[in-house]
Amino acid sequence: MVTIAWGITGCGHLLVENLALIKKLPRVDLFLSRAAVEVMKIYRYDPKQLQGPGVRLYWEGAYSSPLIGRFYHGFYSALVIAPATSNSVAKFVAGISDTLITNLFAHAGKCRVPIIVLPGDQEEEVTSPGPKGPVQVFPRPIDLENTTRLKSFSGVTVVSGMEELEKCLSAYL
């Protein structure tokens, strides 16, 4: 059976929508950064609620993770990183792999596993659903530039919203 590797960063943009999608998928290995766990709590979401028959949950621990070796054995059909913070996107673009999520990105790329990224910062002005209602976000020019640069990476698809994410993901299920 096909397994999707899914990484969540500390980005709140479309977080709840991503969590709902993850629950609908048949088989997901879900990797949570420390910041993701913190942000999920702000949204009053217990990460343990995601565990179930099709979802295996992994937490960020040490800087390296033996689970990343699964990319080298063809275990995953794709890696999804959604939602992705501007910090993670900047590290992807710069080739820095010093966290669980950036290591997932680096090793999926080295193994030519398709990568789908949903950055939180893609437009000059974004209305983002926050835990207490919508908030206006104004990404910095460098954040928008990094998202644009990420779009040029071979094997990486940058999606702009949930509909596009679901459509892209369907090719790997």
N, C-alpha and C. Protein backbone atom coordinates (compact mmCIF):
# COMPACT_ATOMS: atom_id res chain seq x y z
N MET A 1 0.84 -1.19 0.00
CA MET A 1 0.00 0.00 0.00
C MET A 1 0.89 1.25 0.00
N VAL A 2 0.47 2.27 -0.71
CA VAL A 2 1.19 3.52 -0.85
C VAL A 2 1.19 4.29 0.47
N THR A 3 2.35 4.83 0.84
CA THR A 3 2.45 5.65 2.04
C THR A 3 2.97 7.03 1.67
N ILE A 4 2.33 8.04 2.21
CA ILE A 4 2.76 9.43 2.04
C ILE A 4 3.51 9.84 3.29
N ALA A 5 4.66 10.48 3.12
CA ALA A 5 5.35 11.13 4.24
C ALA A 5 4.85 12.57 4.27
N TRP A 6 4.46 13.04 5.45
CA TRP A 6 3.90 14.40 5.56
C TRP A 6 4.57 15.11 6.72
N GLY A 7 5.15 16.26 6.44
CA GLY A 7 5.77 17.06 7.48
C GLY A 7 4.98 18.31 7.75
N ILE A 8 4.79 18.62 9.01
CA ILE A 8 4.10 19.85 9.40
C ILE A 8 5.09 20.71 10.18
N THR A 9 5.17 21.98 9.80
CA THR A 9 6.03 22.94 10.48
C THR A 9 5.18 23.79 11.43
N GLY A 10 5.74 24.87 11.91
CA GLY A 10 5.02 25.74 12.83
C GLY A 10 4.16 26.79 12.16
N CYS A 11 3.74 26.55 10.96
CA CYS A 11 2.90 27.50 10.21
C CYS A 11 1.43 27.26 10.54
N GLY A 12 0.73 28.31 10.90
CA GLY A 12 -0.69 28.18 11.22
C GLY A 12 -1.59 28.32 10.01
N HIS A 13 -1.07 28.86 8.89
CA HIS A 13 -1.88 29.09 7.70
C HIS A 13 -2.38 27.76 7.13
N LEU A 14 -3.67 27.60 7.07
CA LEU A 14 -4.33 26.40 6.56
C LEU A 14 -3.99 25.13 7.36
N LEU A 15 -3.56 25.31 8.58
CA LEU A 15 -3.21 24.16 9.42
C LEU A 15 -4.41 23.23 9.64
N VAL A 16 -5.52 23.78 10.05
CA VAL A 16 -6.71 22.97 10.35
C VAL A 16 -7.17 22.21 9.10
N GLU A 17 -7.12 22.88 7.95
CA GLU A 17 -7.53 22.24 6.70
C GLU A 17 -6.59 21.08 6.35
N ASN A 18 -5.30 21.27 6.58
CA ASN A 18 -4.34 20.20 6.32
C ASN A 18 -4.57 19.01 7.24
N LEU A 19 -4.85 19.28 8.50
CA LEU A 19 -5.10 18.20 9.45
C LEU A 19 -6.33 17.39 9.04
N ALA A 20 -7.35 18.08 8.55
CA ALA A 20 -8.56 17.39 8.08
C ALA A 20 -8.25 16.50 6.88
N LEU A 21 -7.41 16.98 5.97
CA LEU A 21 -7.04 16.19 4.80
C LEU A 21 -6.23 14.96 5.21
N ILE A 22 -5.30 15.14 6.12
CA ILE A 22 -4.47 14.02 6.58
C ILE A 22 -5.35 12.89 7.12
N LYS A 23 -6.37 13.23 7.87
CA LYS A 23 -7.26 12.21 8.45
C LYS A 23 -8.00 11.41 7.39
N LYS A 24 -8.18 11.98 6.20
CA LYS A 24 -8.91 11.31 5.13
C LYS A 24 -8.03 10.38 4.29
N LEU A 25 -6.73 10.50 4.42
CA LEU A 25 -5.84 9.72 3.57
C LEU A 25 -5.68 8.29 4.11
N PRO A 26 -5.47 7.33 3.20
CA PRO A 26 -5.41 5.93 3.64
C PRO A 26 -4.18 5.59 4.47
N ARG A 27 -3.02 6.20 4.15
CA ARG A 27 -1.79 5.82 4.87
C ARG A 27 -0.79 6.98 4.85
N VAL A 28 -0.51 7.52 6.04
CA VAL A 28 0.38 8.67 6.17
C VAL A 28 1.33 8.45 7.35
N ASP A 29 2.61 8.72 7.11
CA ASP A 29 3.56 8.86 8.21
C ASP A 29 3.69 10.36 8.43
N LEU A 30 3.23 10.82 9.57
CA LEU A 30 3.16 12.25 9.86
C LEU A 30 4.30 12.65 10.78
N PHE A 31 5.10 13.61 10.32
CA PHE A 31 6.27 14.09 11.05
C PHE A 31 5.98 15.50 11.54
N LEU A 32 6.05 15.70 12.86
CA LEU A 32 5.74 17.00 13.45
C LEU A 32 7.00 17.65 14.01
N SER A 33 7.23 18.88 13.57
CA SER A 33 8.33 19.65 14.16
C SER A 33 7.91 20.09 15.56
N ARG A 34 8.88 20.52 16.35
CA ARG A 34 8.55 21.03 17.69
C ARG A 34 7.60 22.23 17.57
N ALA A 35 7.88 23.09 16.61
CA ALA A 35 7.03 24.28 16.41
C ALA A 35 5.63 23.88 15.99
N ALA A 36 5.50 22.82 15.19
CA ALA A 36 4.17 22.36 14.78
C ALA A 36 3.34 21.97 15.99
N VAL A 37 3.95 21.27 16.92
CA VAL A 37 3.24 20.85 18.14
C VAL A 37 2.80 22.08 18.92
N GLU A 38 3.66 23.07 19.04
CA GLU A 38 3.31 24.30 19.76
C GLU A 38 2.14 25.02 19.10
N VAL A 39 2.19 25.15 17.77
CA VAL A 39 1.14 25.86 17.05
C VAL A 39 -0.17 25.08 17.10
N MET A 40 -0.11 23.76 17.01
CA MET A 40 -1.33 22.96 17.11
C MET A 40 -2.02 23.19 18.44
N LYS A 41 -1.25 23.33 19.49
CA LYS A 41 -1.84 23.59 20.81
C LYS A 41 -2.51 24.96 20.85
N ILE A 42 -1.93 25.95 20.18
CA ILE A 42 -2.55 27.28 20.10
C ILE A 42 -3.92 27.18 19.42
N TYR A 43 -4.00 26.30 18.43
CA TYR A 43 -5.27 26.07 17.72
C TYR A 43 -6.16 25.07 18.46
N ARG A 44 -5.78 24.74 19.69
CA ARG A 44 -6.52 23.81 20.54
C ARG A 44 -6.68 22.43 19.88
N TYR A 45 -5.60 21.98 19.29
CA TYR A 45 -5.61 20.69 18.61
C TYR A 45 -4.54 19.81 19.24
N ASP A 46 -4.95 18.68 19.77
CA ASP A 46 -4.01 17.73 20.35
C ASP A 46 -3.46 16.85 19.23
N PRO A 47 -2.16 16.87 19.00
CA PRO A 47 -1.59 16.06 17.92
C PRO A 47 -1.96 14.58 18.00
N LYS A 48 -2.17 14.07 19.20
CA LYS A 48 -2.52 12.66 19.35
C LYS A 48 -3.86 12.32 18.71
N GLN A 49 -4.70 13.35 18.47
CA GLN A 49 -5.98 13.12 17.79
C GLN A 49 -5.78 12.61 16.37
N LEU A 50 -4.61 12.83 15.82
CA LEU A 50 -4.34 12.42 14.44
C LEU A 50 -4.02 10.94 14.32
N GLN A 51 -3.57 10.33 15.41
CA GLN A 51 -3.23 8.91 15.35
C GLN A 51 -4.48 8.09 15.06
N GLY A 52 -4.29 7.12 14.21
CA GLY A 52 -5.40 6.25 13.86
C GLY A 52 -4.90 5.15 12.97
N PRO A 53 -5.81 4.38 12.38
CA PRO A 53 -5.40 3.23 11.58
C PRO A 53 -4.49 3.60 10.41
N GLY A 54 -4.70 4.76 9.80
CA GLY A 54 -3.90 5.13 8.63
C GLY A 54 -2.81 6.14 8.91
N VAL A 55 -2.70 6.64 10.14
CA VAL A 55 -1.73 7.69 10.44
C VAL A 55 -0.78 7.25 11.54
N ARG A 56 0.50 7.23 11.20
CA ARG A 56 1.54 7.00 12.20
C ARG A 56 2.18 8.35 12.49
N LEU A 57 2.35 8.65 13.75
CA LEU A 57 2.80 9.96 14.20
C LEU A 57 4.23 9.90 14.72
N TYR A 58 5.05 10.83 14.23
CA TYR A 58 6.45 10.91 14.66
C TYR A 58 6.75 12.34 15.10
N TRP A 59 7.46 12.46 16.21
CA TRP A 59 7.78 13.75 16.80
C TRP A 59 9.24 14.06 16.55
N GLU A 60 9.54 15.34 16.46
CA GLU A 60 10.93 15.75 16.32
C GLU A 60 11.68 15.45 17.61
N GLY A 61 12.80 14.75 17.47
CA GLY A 61 13.63 14.42 18.63
C GLY A 61 15.02 14.95 18.38
N ALA A 62 15.93 14.06 18.06
CA ALA A 62 17.30 14.46 17.74
C ALA A 62 17.33 15.09 16.34
N TYR A 63 18.46 15.65 15.98
CA TYR A 63 18.57 16.31 14.68
C TYR A 63 18.54 15.33 13.53
N SER A 64 18.96 14.11 13.75
CA SER A 64 18.86 13.10 12.70
C SER A 64 17.76 12.14 13.09
N SER A 65 17.21 11.50 12.09
CA SER A 65 16.12 10.57 12.36
C SER A 65 16.33 9.31 11.54
N PRO A 66 16.36 8.15 12.18
CA PRO A 66 16.51 6.91 11.43
C PRO A 66 15.37 6.69 10.44
N LEU A 67 14.23 7.29 10.72
CA LEU A 67 13.07 7.11 9.83
C LEU A 67 13.32 7.70 8.44
N ILE A 68 14.22 8.65 8.35
CA ILE A 68 14.52 9.27 7.06
C ILE A 68 15.09 8.23 6.10
N GLY A 69 15.71 7.19 6.63
CA GLY A 69 16.22 6.12 5.79
C GLY A 69 15.16 5.44 4.95
N ARG A 70 13.91 5.58 5.34
CA ARG A 70 12.82 4.97 4.56
C ARG A 70 12.75 5.53 3.14
N PHE A 71 13.19 6.77 2.94
CA PHE A 71 13.19 7.33 1.59
C PHE A 71 14.11 6.51 0.68
N TYR A 72 15.21 6.00 1.23
CA TYR A 72 16.20 5.27 0.45
C TYR A 72 15.74 3.85 0.11
N HIS A 73 14.68 3.40 0.72
CA HIS A 73 14.17 2.06 0.48
C HIS A 73 12.82 2.07 -0.25
N GLY A 74 12.46 3.22 -0.82
CA GLY A 74 11.24 3.31 -1.62
C GLY A 74 9.96 3.20 -0.82
N PHE A 75 10.02 3.52 0.45
CA PHE A 75 8.86 3.37 1.32
C PHE A 75 7.77 4.41 1.04
N TYR A 76 8.17 5.59 0.56
CA TYR A 76 7.21 6.69 0.36
C TYR A 76 7.01 7.01 -1.12
N SER A 77 5.76 7.27 -1.49
CA SER A 77 5.48 7.67 -2.86
C SER A 77 5.65 9.17 -3.05
N ALA A 78 5.55 9.94 -1.96
CA ALA A 78 5.72 11.40 -2.04
C ALA A 78 5.94 11.94 -0.63
N LEU A 79 6.51 13.14 -0.58
CA LEU A 79 6.63 13.90 0.65
C LEU A 79 5.80 15.16 0.50
N VAL A 80 4.95 15.41 1.47
CA VAL A 80 4.18 16.65 1.53
C VAL A 80 4.68 17.44 2.73
N ILE A 81 4.95 18.71 2.53
CA ILE A 81 5.26 19.59 3.65
C ILE A 81 4.24 20.70 3.61
N ALA A 82 3.28 20.60 4.51
CA ALA A 82 2.15 21.53 4.50
C ALA A 82 1.51 21.59 5.87
N PRO A 83 1.32 22.77 6.37
CA PRO A 83 1.82 24.03 5.84
C PRO A 83 3.30 24.22 6.18
N ALA A 84 3.98 25.05 5.39
CA ALA A 84 5.41 25.29 5.57
C ALA A 84 5.67 26.74 5.96
N THR A 85 6.45 26.93 7.00
CA THR A 85 6.82 28.28 7.44
C THR A 85 7.81 28.90 6.46
N SER A 86 7.93 30.23 6.54
CA SER A 86 8.94 30.92 5.73
C SER A 86 10.34 30.48 6.14
N ASN A 87 10.54 30.15 7.40
CA ASN A 87 11.84 29.67 7.87
C ASN A 87 12.21 28.35 7.20
N SER A 88 11.25 27.42 7.15
CA SER A 88 11.53 26.14 6.50
C SER A 88 11.79 26.32 5.01
N VAL A 89 10.98 27.14 4.35
CA VAL A 89 11.17 27.39 2.92
C VAL A 89 12.56 27.99 2.67
N ALA A 90 12.97 28.94 3.50
CA ALA A 90 14.30 29.54 3.36
C ALA A 90 15.40 28.48 3.49
N LYS A 91 15.22 27.57 4.44
CA LYS A 91 16.21 26.50 4.62
C LYS A 91 16.20 25.54 3.44
N PHE A 92 15.03 25.22 2.90
CA PHE A 92 14.97 24.35 1.72
C PHE A 92 15.78 24.98 0.59
N VAL A 93 15.54 26.27 0.35
CA VAL A 93 16.20 26.99 -0.74
C VAL A 93 17.71 27.08 -0.52
N ALA A 94 18.12 27.27 0.71
CA ALA A 94 19.55 27.42 1.02
C ALA A 94 20.27 26.08 1.18
N GLY A 95 19.53 24.99 1.17
CA GLY A 95 20.14 23.67 1.32
C GLY A 95 20.51 23.33 2.75
N ILE A 96 19.86 23.96 3.71
CA ILE A 96 20.14 23.69 5.12
C ILE A 96 19.21 22.58 5.60
N SER A 97 19.80 21.56 6.20
CA SER A 97 18.99 20.45 6.71
C SER A 97 19.38 20.17 8.16
N ASP A 98 18.88 21.02 9.05
CA ASP A 98 19.24 20.91 10.46
C ASP A 98 18.05 20.66 11.38
N THR A 99 16.91 20.29 10.82
CA THR A 99 15.72 19.95 11.60
C THR A 99 15.10 18.70 10.99
N LEU A 100 14.14 18.14 11.66
CA LEU A 100 13.45 16.97 11.12
C LEU A 100 12.85 17.28 9.75
N ILE A 101 12.14 18.40 9.65
CA ILE A 101 11.45 18.73 8.40
C ILE A 101 12.44 19.03 7.27
N THR A 102 13.50 19.78 7.56
CA THR A 102 14.47 20.08 6.50
C THR A 102 15.26 18.84 6.10
N ASN A 103 15.46 17.91 7.03
CA ASN A 103 16.08 16.62 6.68
C ASN A 103 15.16 15.79 5.79
N LEU A 104 13.87 15.79 6.09
CA LEU A 104 12.92 15.09 5.22
C LEU A 104 13.02 15.63 3.80
N PHE A 105 13.01 16.96 3.68
CA PHE A 105 13.08 17.61 2.36
C PHE A 105 14.37 17.21 1.64
N ALA A 106 15.50 17.32 2.33
CA ALA A 106 16.79 17.03 1.70
C ALA A 106 16.87 15.58 1.22
N HIS A 107 16.47 14.65 2.06
CA HIS A 107 16.63 13.24 1.70
C HIS A 107 15.59 12.77 0.69
N ALA A 108 14.40 13.32 0.74
CA ALA A 108 13.42 13.01 -0.31
C ALA A 108 13.98 13.47 -1.66
N GLY A 109 14.57 14.66 -1.68
CA GLY A 109 15.16 15.17 -2.91
C GLY A 109 16.30 14.30 -3.41
N LYS A 110 17.16 13.84 -2.50
CA LYS A 110 18.29 12.99 -2.87
C LYS A 110 17.83 11.65 -3.42
N CYS A 111 16.65 11.21 -3.00
CA CYS A 111 16.10 9.93 -3.46
C CYS A 111 15.11 10.09 -4.61
N ARG A 112 14.96 11.32 -5.06
CA ARG A 112 14.02 11.65 -6.15
C ARG A 112 12.59 11.25 -5.83
N VAL A 113 12.24 11.37 -4.57
CA VAL A 113 10.85 11.20 -4.16
C VAL A 113 10.17 12.54 -4.40
N PRO A 114 9.05 12.56 -5.11
CA PRO A 114 8.37 13.83 -5.38
C PRO A 114 8.01 14.56 -4.08
N ILE A 115 8.19 15.89 -4.11
CA ILE A 115 7.93 16.72 -2.95
C ILE A 115 6.87 17.76 -3.30
N ILE A 116 5.88 17.89 -2.42
CA ILE A 116 4.83 18.91 -2.56
C ILE A 116 4.93 19.82 -1.35
N VAL A 117 5.02 21.12 -1.59
CA VAL A 117 5.14 22.09 -0.49
C VAL A 117 4.02 23.11 -0.60
N LEU A 118 3.37 23.38 0.53
CA LEU A 118 2.36 24.44 0.63
C LEU A 118 2.90 25.51 1.59
N PRO A 119 3.60 26.53 1.04
CA PRO A 119 4.12 27.59 1.91
C PRO A 119 3.00 28.51 2.40
N GLY A 120 3.18 29.01 3.60
CA GLY A 120 2.22 29.97 4.13
C GLY A 120 2.36 31.33 3.48
N ASP A 121 3.55 31.65 2.99
CA ASP A 121 3.82 32.97 2.42
C ASP A 121 3.98 32.87 0.91
N GLN A 122 2.92 33.30 0.18
CA GLN A 122 2.96 33.23 -1.28
C GLN A 122 2.49 34.50 -1.96
N GLU A 123 1.82 35.35 -1.23
CA GLU A 123 1.30 36.59 -1.81
C GLU A 123 1.69 37.75 -0.91
N GLU A 124 1.64 38.97 -1.46
CA GLU A 124 2.03 40.15 -0.69
C GLU A 124 1.12 40.41 0.50
N GLU A 125 -0.11 39.93 0.41
CA GLU A 125 -1.05 40.07 1.52
C GLU A 125 -1.90 38.81 1.58
N VAL A 126 -2.03 38.25 2.77
CA VAL A 126 -2.77 37.00 2.94
C VAL A 126 -3.72 37.15 4.11
N THR A 127 -4.96 36.69 3.91
CA THR A 127 -5.87 36.56 5.04
C THR A 127 -5.79 35.11 5.48
N SER A 128 -5.31 34.91 6.69
CA SER A 128 -5.07 33.57 7.19
C SER A 128 -6.02 33.26 8.34
N PRO A 129 -6.60 32.06 8.35
CA PRO A 129 -7.46 31.70 9.48
C PRO A 129 -6.62 31.50 10.74
N GLY A 130 -6.87 32.29 11.75
CA GLY A 130 -6.16 32.15 13.01
C GLY A 130 -7.03 31.46 14.04
N PRO A 131 -6.48 31.14 15.20
CA PRO A 131 -7.26 30.43 16.22
C PRO A 131 -8.44 31.26 16.74
N LYS A 132 -8.35 32.59 16.63
CA LYS A 132 -9.44 33.45 17.10
C LYS A 132 -10.11 34.19 15.95
N GLY A 133 -9.90 33.73 14.73
CA GLY A 133 -10.50 34.37 13.57
C GLY A 133 -9.44 34.79 12.58
N PRO A 134 -9.87 35.30 11.42
CA PRO A 134 -8.93 35.66 10.36
C PRO A 134 -7.95 36.76 10.79
N VAL A 135 -6.73 36.65 10.28
CA VAL A 135 -5.71 37.67 10.52
C VAL A 135 -5.07 38.05 9.18
N GLN A 136 -4.65 39.30 9.08
CA GLN A 136 -3.95 39.78 7.89
C GLN A 136 -2.46 39.55 8.09
N VAL A 137 -1.83 38.98 7.08
CA VAL A 137 -0.40 38.71 7.12
C VAL A 137 0.23 39.36 5.89
N PHE A 138 1.37 40.01 6.10
CA PHE A 138 2.07 40.70 5.03
C PHE A 138 3.49 40.13 4.94
N PRO A 139 3.67 39.06 4.15
CA PRO A 139 4.99 38.43 4.05
C PRO A 139 6.06 39.41 3.57
N ARG A 140 7.27 39.19 4.06
CA ARG A 140 8.41 40.01 3.66
C ARG A 140 8.82 39.66 2.23
N PRO A 141 9.42 40.60 1.52
CA PRO A 141 9.88 40.31 0.15
C PRO A 141 10.81 39.09 0.07
N ILE A 142 11.68 38.90 1.05
CA ILE A 142 12.60 37.75 1.02
C ILE A 142 11.83 36.43 1.12
N ASP A 143 10.73 36.43 1.87
CA ASP A 143 9.92 35.21 1.99
C ASP A 143 9.25 34.87 0.66
N LEU A 144 8.75 35.89 -0.02
CA LEU A 144 8.13 35.67 -1.32
C LEU A 144 9.17 35.23 -2.35
N GLU A 145 10.36 35.82 -2.27
CA GLU A 145 11.45 35.44 -3.17
C GLU A 145 11.85 33.98 -2.96
N ASN A 146 11.93 33.55 -1.72
CA ASN A 146 12.29 32.15 -1.44
C ASN A 146 11.23 31.19 -1.97
N THR A 147 9.97 31.55 -1.83
CA THR A 147 8.90 30.70 -2.38
C THR A 147 9.04 30.61 -3.89
N THR A 148 9.32 31.73 -4.54
CA THR A 148 9.51 31.73 -5.99
C THR A 148 10.71 30.86 -6.38
N ARG A 149 11.80 30.96 -5.64
CA ARG A 149 12.99 30.15 -5.93
C ARG A 149 12.69 28.66 -5.75
N LEU A 150 11.91 28.33 -4.73
CA LEU A 150 11.58 26.92 -4.48
C LEU A 150 10.81 26.32 -5.65
N LYS A 151 10.00 27.13 -6.31
CA LYS A 151 9.22 26.65 -7.46
C LYS A 151 10.11 26.15 -8.59
N SER A 152 11.35 26.60 -8.65
CA SER A 152 12.26 26.20 -9.73
C SER A 152 13.00 24.90 -9.42
N PHE A 153 12.85 24.35 -8.23
CA PHE A 153 13.57 23.13 -7.85
C PHE A 153 12.99 21.92 -8.57
N SER A 154 13.87 21.11 -9.13
CA SER A 154 13.46 19.88 -9.78
C SER A 154 12.86 18.93 -8.74
N GLY A 155 11.75 18.31 -9.09
CA GLY A 155 11.11 17.34 -8.20
C GLY A 155 10.25 17.95 -7.11
N VAL A 156 10.15 19.29 -7.09
CA VAL A 156 9.37 19.98 -6.07
C VAL A 156 8.19 20.69 -6.73
N THR A 157 7.01 20.47 -6.20
CA THR A 157 5.82 21.19 -6.65
C THR A 157 5.36 22.07 -5.51
N VAL A 158 5.26 23.37 -5.78
CA VAL A 158 4.76 24.32 -4.79
C VAL A 158 3.30 24.57 -5.13
N VAL A 159 2.42 24.32 -4.17
CA VAL A 159 0.99 24.52 -4.37
C VAL A 159 0.53 25.74 -3.58
N SER A 160 -0.57 26.33 -4.05
CA SER A 160 -1.01 27.60 -3.46
C SER A 160 -2.19 27.46 -2.51
N GLY A 161 -2.82 26.31 -2.49
CA GLY A 161 -3.98 26.15 -1.61
C GLY A 161 -4.38 24.70 -1.49
N MET A 162 -5.44 24.47 -0.74
CA MET A 162 -5.86 23.10 -0.45
C MET A 162 -6.37 22.36 -1.68
N GLU A 163 -7.10 23.03 -2.54
CA GLU A 163 -7.62 22.36 -3.73
C GLU A 163 -6.48 21.87 -4.62
N GLU A 164 -5.50 22.74 -4.81
CA GLU A 164 -4.34 22.36 -5.62
C GLU A 164 -3.52 21.26 -4.93
N LEU A 165 -3.41 21.32 -3.62
CA LEU A 165 -2.69 20.28 -2.88
C LEU A 165 -3.37 18.93 -3.07
N GLU A 166 -4.68 18.88 -2.90
CA GLU A 166 -5.41 17.62 -3.05
C GLU A 166 -5.27 17.06 -4.46
N LYS A 167 -5.36 17.93 -5.45
CA LYS A 167 -5.24 17.49 -6.84
C LYS A 167 -3.85 16.91 -7.11
N CYS A 168 -2.83 17.61 -6.66
CA CYS A 168 -1.46 17.16 -6.85
C CYS A 168 -1.20 15.85 -6.09
N LEU A 169 -1.68 15.77 -4.88
CA LEU A 169 -1.48 14.60 -4.03
C LEU A 169 -2.14 13.36 -4.61
N SER A 170 -3.25 13.53 -5.31
CA SER A 170 -4.00 12.38 -5.85
C SER A 170 -3.15 11.54 -6.80
N ALA A 171 -2.15 12.13 -7.42
CA ALA A 171 -1.28 11.39 -8.34
C ALA A 171 -0.41 10.37 -7.61
N TYR A 172 -0.27 10.53 -6.30
CA TYR A 172 0.64 9.66 -5.54
C TYR A 172 -0.08 8.71 -4.60
N LEU A 173 -1.40 8.66 -4.68
CA LEU A 173 -2.17 7.77 -3.81
C LEU A 173 -2.51 6.46 -4.50
